Protein backbone atom coordinates (compact mmCIF):
# COMPACT_ATOMS: atom_id res chain seq x y z
CA UNK A 1 -12.70 24.18 -25.32
CA UNK A 2 -14.56 21.61 -23.20
CA UNK A 3 -12.86 18.84 -25.10
CA UNK A 4 -9.44 20.34 -24.37
CA UNK A 5 -10.26 20.73 -20.66
CA UNK A 6 -11.53 17.18 -20.44
CA UNK A 7 -8.42 15.92 -22.23
CA UNK A 8 -6.13 17.89 -19.87
CA UNK A 9 -7.93 16.54 -16.80
CA UNK A 10 -7.62 13.01 -18.17
CA UNK A 11 -3.87 13.48 -18.77
CA UNK A 12 -3.35 14.89 -15.26
CA UNK A 13 -5.23 11.99 -13.64
CA UNK A 14 -3.27 9.52 -15.76
CA UNK A 15 0.04 11.05 -14.69
CA UNK A 16 -1.04 11.10 -11.06
CA UNK A 17 -2.17 7.48 -11.15
CA UNK A 18 1.04 6.41 -12.91
CA UNK A 19 3.18 8.25 -10.33
CA UNK A 20 1.33 6.60 -7.44
CA UNK A 21 1.65 3.17 -9.05
CA UNK A 22 5.38 3.67 -9.58
CA UNK A 23 5.84 4.89 -6.02
CA UNK A 24 4.16 1.79 -4.59
CA UNK A 25 6.30 -0.48 -6.78
CA UNK A 26 9.43 1.39 -5.71
CA UNK A 27 8.64 0.81 -2.06
CA UNK A 28 7.94 -2.89 -2.60
CA UNK A 29 11.21 -3.47 -4.46
CA UNK A 30 13.63 -1.26 -2.55
CA UNK A 31 12.27 -0.86 0.97
CA UNK A 32 13.69 -3.67 3.04
CA UNK A 33 14.68 -1.67 6.11
CA UNK A 34 18.19 -3.19 5.99
CA UNK A 35 17.16 -6.84 5.72
CA UNK A 36 19.41 -7.60 2.73
CA UNK A 37 22.51 -6.45 4.62
CA UNK A 38 21.42 -8.23 7.77
CA UNK A 39 21.12 -11.54 5.91
CA UNK A 40 24.71 -11.09 4.74
CA UNK A 41 25.74 -10.35 8.34
CA UNK A 42 24.02 -13.55 9.49
CA UNK A 43 25.99 -15.61 6.98
CA UNK A 44 29.29 -14.23 8.29
CA UNK A 45 28.24 -14.68 11.92
CA UNK A 46 27.31 -18.31 11.25
CA UNK A 47 30.70 -18.87 9.62
CA UNK A 48 32.42 -17.26 12.61
CA UNK A 49 30.46 -19.48 14.98
CA UNK A 50 31.45 -22.60 13.03
CA UNK A 51 35.14 -21.93 13.82
CA UNK A 52 34.55 -22.79 17.48
CA UNK A 53 38.15 -23.08 18.70
CA UNK A 54 39.89 -20.82 16.19
CA UNK A 55 39.87 -17.33 17.67
CA UNK A 56 41.50 -15.75 14.62
CA UNK A 57 38.79 -17.04 12.27
CA UNK A 58 36.06 -16.07 14.71
CA UNK A 59 37.52 -12.57 14.83
CA UNK A 60 37.71 -12.18 11.04
CA UNK A 61 34.18 -13.39 10.32
CA UNK A 62 32.64 -11.53 13.26
CA UNK A 63 34.32 -8.38 11.95
CA UNK A 64 32.77 -8.97 8.51
CA UNK A 65 29.41 -9.59 10.13
CA UNK A 66 29.71 -6.31 12.04
CA UNK A 67 30.46 -4.47 8.80
CA UNK A 68 27.18 -5.69 7.29
CA UNK A 69 25.15 -5.02 10.44
CA UNK A 70 26.39 -1.43 10.29
CA UNK A 71 25.26 -1.21 6.66
CA UNK A 72 21.86 -2.54 7.72
CA UNK A 73 21.79 0.11 10.43
CA UNK A 74 22.38 2.87 7.87
CA UNK A 75 19.54 1.59 5.68
CA UNK A 76 17.26 1.23 8.70
CA UNK A 77 17.93 4.86 9.64
CA UNK A 78 17.46 6.09 6.07
CA UNK A 79 14.20 4.17 5.70
CA UNK A 80 12.96 5.10 9.18
CA UNK A 81 12.93 1.50 10.40
CA UNK A 82 12.77 2.33 14.10
CA UNK A 83 11.37 -1.08 15.06
CA UNK A 84 14.50 -2.87 13.86
CA UNK A 85 16.98 -0.55 15.56
CA UNK A 86 16.74 -2.36 18.92
CA UNK A 87 17.85 -5.62 17.31
CA UNK A 88 20.62 -3.86 15.40
CA UNK A 89 21.95 -2.26 18.58
CA UNK A 90 21.98 -5.61 20.37
CA UNK A 91 23.71 -7.31 17.43
CA UNK A 92 26.40 -4.61 17.24
CA UNK A 93 27.08 -4.74 20.99
CA UNK A 94 27.52 -8.50 21.01
CA UNK A 95 29.54 -8.63 17.80
CA UNK A 96 31.96 -6.10 19.29
CA UNK A 97 32.18 -8.21 22.45
CA UNK A 98 32.74 -11.35 20.35
CA UNK A 99 35.53 -9.64 18.41
CA UNK A 100 37.18 -8.46 21.64
CA UNK A 101 36.95 -11.91 23.22
CA UNK A 102 38.37 -13.53 20.09
CA UNK A 103 41.25 -11.02 20.19
CA UNK A 104 41.98 -12.21 23.72
CA UNK A 105 41.87 -15.85 22.60
CA UNK A 106 38.61 -16.60 24.44
CA UNK A 107 36.83 -18.49 21.70
CA UNK A 108 34.11 -19.97 23.90
CA UNK A 109 33.03 -16.59 25.26
CA UNK A 110 33.24 -15.09 21.76
CA UNK A 111 30.89 -17.82 20.51
CA UNK A 112 28.42 -17.01 23.31
CA UNK A 113 28.33 -13.38 22.20
CA UNK A 114 27.99 -14.46 18.58
CA UNK A 115 24.96 -16.56 19.52
CA UNK A 116 23.27 -13.57 21.15
CA UNK A 117 24.13 -11.36 18.15
CA UNK A 118 22.77 -13.99 15.75
CA UNK A 119 19.49 -14.15 17.65
CA UNK A 120 19.13 -10.37 17.47
CA UNK A 121 19.89 -10.46 13.73
CA UNK A 122 17.29 -13.18 13.18
CA UNK A 123 14.70 -11.21 15.11
CA UNK A 124 15.48 -8.20 12.94
CA UNK A 125 14.92 -10.14 9.71
CA UNK A 126 11.72 -11.76 11.02
CA UNK A 127 10.17 -8.35 11.66
CA UNK A 128 10.94 -6.99 8.18
CA UNK A 129 8.31 -7.30 5.47
């Protein structure tokens, strides 16, 4: 009987240890707080910014960037990344302004808003582990 109890305790501790080890690996691999999507958003914002005088291209790439920032926002909310939300909010506000300015043909002002959005996106990625 003692042998069976000892064996059961050993199995329970093994399962518990294995579960904890898997949980820590899961967090390391999948918890990025939205960083992966934000990096994609940065790529599109950089492309938009490179089209300096072409409002239509600025609009299209800023719109794509906004799509990815919103995906990063969803992940940040799901993973309780409250620290990054300030940067996400700033990025969204300025991407929307950039899109609106590009719609009105104001490429220079759109680029200014893109620069501010890009800085917020970079700050977001720098604070993610």
